Amino acid sequence: MKLEKVTTILLWVLLGVSAILIVSLMTNLSDNEADATMGAWINTNLSFSYILLGLSTVIALVFAIMHTFGDKSAAKKGLIALGFAGVVLAISYVLSTDAIPQFYGVEKFVADGSLTSSIAKWIDTTLYATYILLFLAILGIALSSVTRFIK
């Protein structure tokens, strides 16, 4: 049997199981929050969703790794992209500060421990990375237009 046929059959089976679980959940919904049957169906649907997410993540990673090691130019491009992401992250980390921002209500976040200097540094790092990538995207669009105009 061809791989496409097996994949199609597997996808239809997953669709059928998902449909059965959703219909079962919908038929067991009630206004009573303490209903054990409804809670069991919610847990079953969530567990199935987690399993599907985990399997799809593993499959995507395995196929990406297989493709990378199967093609030397793809491996080289992947390493260049990974290196570029590392450079952007390093520059962003160096530019960021660990000072906790001052805004209305910040005391609540500091008091419960959800905002520390380490978290503030990583938030600042991701903001700088976003700004750098946005600048590079705008620069790429502008240079693309200019080079197309020159040609």
Protein backbone atom coordinates (compact mmCIF):
# COMPACT_ATOMS: atom_id res chain seq x y z
CA MET A 1 0.00 0.00 0.00
CA LYS A 2 1.23 3.47 -0.80
CA LEU A 3 2.25 5.87 1.96
CA GLU A 4 -0.37 8.40 0.83
CA LYS A 5 -3.13 5.84 1.21
CA VAL A 6 -1.99 4.88 4.71
CA THR A 7 -1.75 8.53 5.70
CA THR A 8 -5.22 9.24 4.36
CA ILE A 9 -6.72 6.30 6.24
CA LEU A 10 -4.94 7.33 9.45
CA LEU A 11 -6.19 10.91 9.13
CA TRP A 12 -9.78 9.73 8.60
CA VAL A 13 -9.53 7.48 11.66
CA LEU A 14 -8.23 10.38 13.76
CA LEU A 15 -11.03 12.59 12.44
CA GLY A 16 -13.60 9.94 13.35
CA VAL A 17 -12.23 9.48 16.88
CA SER A 18 -12.14 13.26 17.36
CA ALA A 19 -15.72 13.61 16.13
CA ILE A 20 -16.93 10.86 18.47
CA LEU A 21 -15.17 12.47 21.43
CA ILE A 22 -16.61 15.92 20.66
CA VAL A 23 -20.14 14.58 20.18
CA SER A 24 -19.86 12.62 23.43
CA LEU A 25 -18.65 15.73 25.25
CA MET A 26 -21.47 17.85 23.85
CA THR A 27 -24.14 15.34 24.83
CA ASN A 28 -22.80 15.18 28.40
CA LEU A 29 -22.58 18.93 29.01
CA SER A 30 -24.61 20.18 31.93
CA ASP A 31 -25.02 23.28 34.05
CA ASN A 32 -23.86 21.37 37.11
CA GLU A 33 -20.13 22.04 37.47
CA ALA A 34 -19.75 19.12 39.89
CA ASP A 35 -21.03 16.60 37.32
CA ALA A 36 -18.46 13.79 37.26
CA THR A 37 -19.46 12.56 33.79
CA MET A 38 -18.93 15.95 32.20
CA GLY A 39 -15.56 16.31 33.94
CA ALA A 40 -14.50 12.87 32.71
CA TRP A 41 -15.39 13.75 29.10
CA ILE A 42 -13.55 17.05 29.33
CA ASN A 43 -10.48 15.26 30.68
CA THR A 44 -10.72 12.62 27.95
CA ASN A 45 -10.90 15.28 25.22
CA LEU A 46 -8.01 17.21 26.72
CA SER A 47 -5.90 14.07 27.03
CA PHE A 48 -6.60 13.16 23.41
CA SER A 49 -5.66 16.70 22.34
CA TYR A 50 -2.39 16.50 24.29
CA ILE A 51 -1.57 13.14 22.73
CA LEU A 52 -2.25 14.48 19.22
CA LEU A 53 -0.15 17.58 19.91
CA GLY A 54 2.74 15.49 21.23
CA LEU A 55 2.63 13.03 18.33
CA SER A 56 2.44 15.76 15.71
CA THR A 57 5.36 17.59 17.34
CA VAL A 58 7.50 14.45 17.39
CA ILE A 59 6.60 13.59 13.80
CA ALA A 60 7.35 17.13 12.59
CA LEU A 61 10.72 17.12 14.35
CA VAL A 62 11.66 13.66 13.05
CA PHE A 63 10.84 14.56 9.46
CA ALA A 64 12.66 17.90 9.75
CA ILE A 65 15.76 16.15 11.09
CA MET A 66 15.55 13.46 8.39
CA HIS A 67 15.28 16.13 5.70
CA THR A 68 18.16 18.11 7.19
CA PHE A 69 20.52 15.14 7.34
CA GLY A 70 19.39 13.90 3.94
CA ASP A 71 20.26 17.12 2.14
CA LYS A 72 23.61 18.84 2.76
CA SER A 73 22.48 22.24 1.45
CA ALA A 74 19.39 22.12 3.71
CA ALA A 75 21.62 21.31 6.68
CA LYS A 76 23.90 24.22 5.83
CA LYS A 77 20.95 26.62 5.48
CA GLY A 78 19.45 25.36 8.72
CA LEU A 79 22.69 25.90 10.63
CA ILE A 80 23.03 29.40 9.17
CA ALA A 81 19.47 30.24 10.27
CA LEU A 82 20.11 28.80 13.72
CA GLY A 83 23.32 30.82 14.00
CA PHE A 84 21.50 33.98 12.90
CA ALA A 85 18.81 33.39 15.54
CA GLY A 86 21.52 32.89 18.15
CA VAL A 87 23.24 36.14 17.16
CA VAL A 88 19.96 38.07 17.35
CA LEU A 89 19.23 36.53 20.76
CA ALA A 90 22.73 37.33 22.03
CA ILE A 91 22.54 40.95 20.85
CA SER A 92 19.09 41.30 22.40
CA TYR A 93 20.29 39.83 25.70
CA VAL A 94 23.25 42.21 25.85
CA LEU A 95 21.02 45.23 25.14
CA SER A 96 18.36 44.28 27.68
CA THR A 97 18.21 45.38 31.30
CA ASP A 98 16.95 43.55 34.37
CA ALA A 99 15.23 46.60 35.85
CA ILE A 100 11.63 45.94 36.77
CA PRO A 101 9.39 48.31 34.79
CA GLN A 102 7.31 50.79 36.72
CA PHE A 103 3.62 50.83 35.87
CA TYR A 104 0.33 50.94 37.73
CA GLY A 105 -0.14 47.71 39.68
CA VAL A 106 3.42 46.39 39.34
CA GLU A 107 3.62 45.85 43.10
CA LYS A 108 1.09 43.04 42.87
CA PHE A 109 3.21 41.13 40.33
CA VAL A 110 6.41 41.67 42.30
CA ALA A 111 4.73 40.61 45.55
CA ASP A 112 3.40 37.31 44.19
CA GLY A 113 6.72 36.52 42.48
CA SER A 114 5.45 36.50 38.91
CA LEU A 115 7.73 39.45 38.02
CA THR A 116 11.36 39.17 39.03
CA SER A 117 14.48 40.82 37.65
CA SER A 118 15.28 37.65 35.68
CA ILE A 119 11.82 37.59 34.09
CA ALA A 120 12.08 41.32 33.34
CA LYS A 121 15.44 40.71 31.61
CA TRP A 122 13.98 37.96 29.39
CA ILE A 123 10.93 40.07 28.56
CA ASP A 124 13.26 42.90 27.59
CA THR A 125 15.34 40.45 25.55
CA THR A 126 12.33 39.25 23.57
CA LEU A 127 11.20 42.81 22.98
CA TYR A 128 14.63 43.77 21.63
CA ALA A 129 14.68 40.63 19.46
CA THR A 130 11.27 41.59 18.08
CA TYR A 131 12.48 45.11 17.33
CA ILE A 132 15.64 43.82 15.62
CA LEU A 133 13.71 41.34 13.48
CA LEU A 134 11.11 43.97 12.58
CA PHE A 135 13.88 46.37 11.53
CA LEU A 136 15.54 43.65 9.42
CA ALA A 137 12.22 42.76 7.79
CA ILE A 138 11.50 46.38 6.89
CA LEU A 139 15.08 46.79 5.65
CA GLY A 140 14.73 43.65 3.52
CA ILE A 141 11.48 44.87 1.98
CA ALA A 142 12.98 48.28 1.23
CA LEU A 143 16.18 46.85 -0.26
CA SER A 144 14.18 44.40 -2.34
CA SER A 145 12.14 47.24 -3.80
CA VAL A 146 15.22 49.37 -4.46
CA THR A 147 17.14 46.56 -6.19
CA ARG A 148 14.09 45.70 -8.31
CA PHE A 149 13.81 49.36 -9.29
CA ILE A 150 17.51 49.57 -10.19
CA LYS A 151 17.35 46.43 -12.38
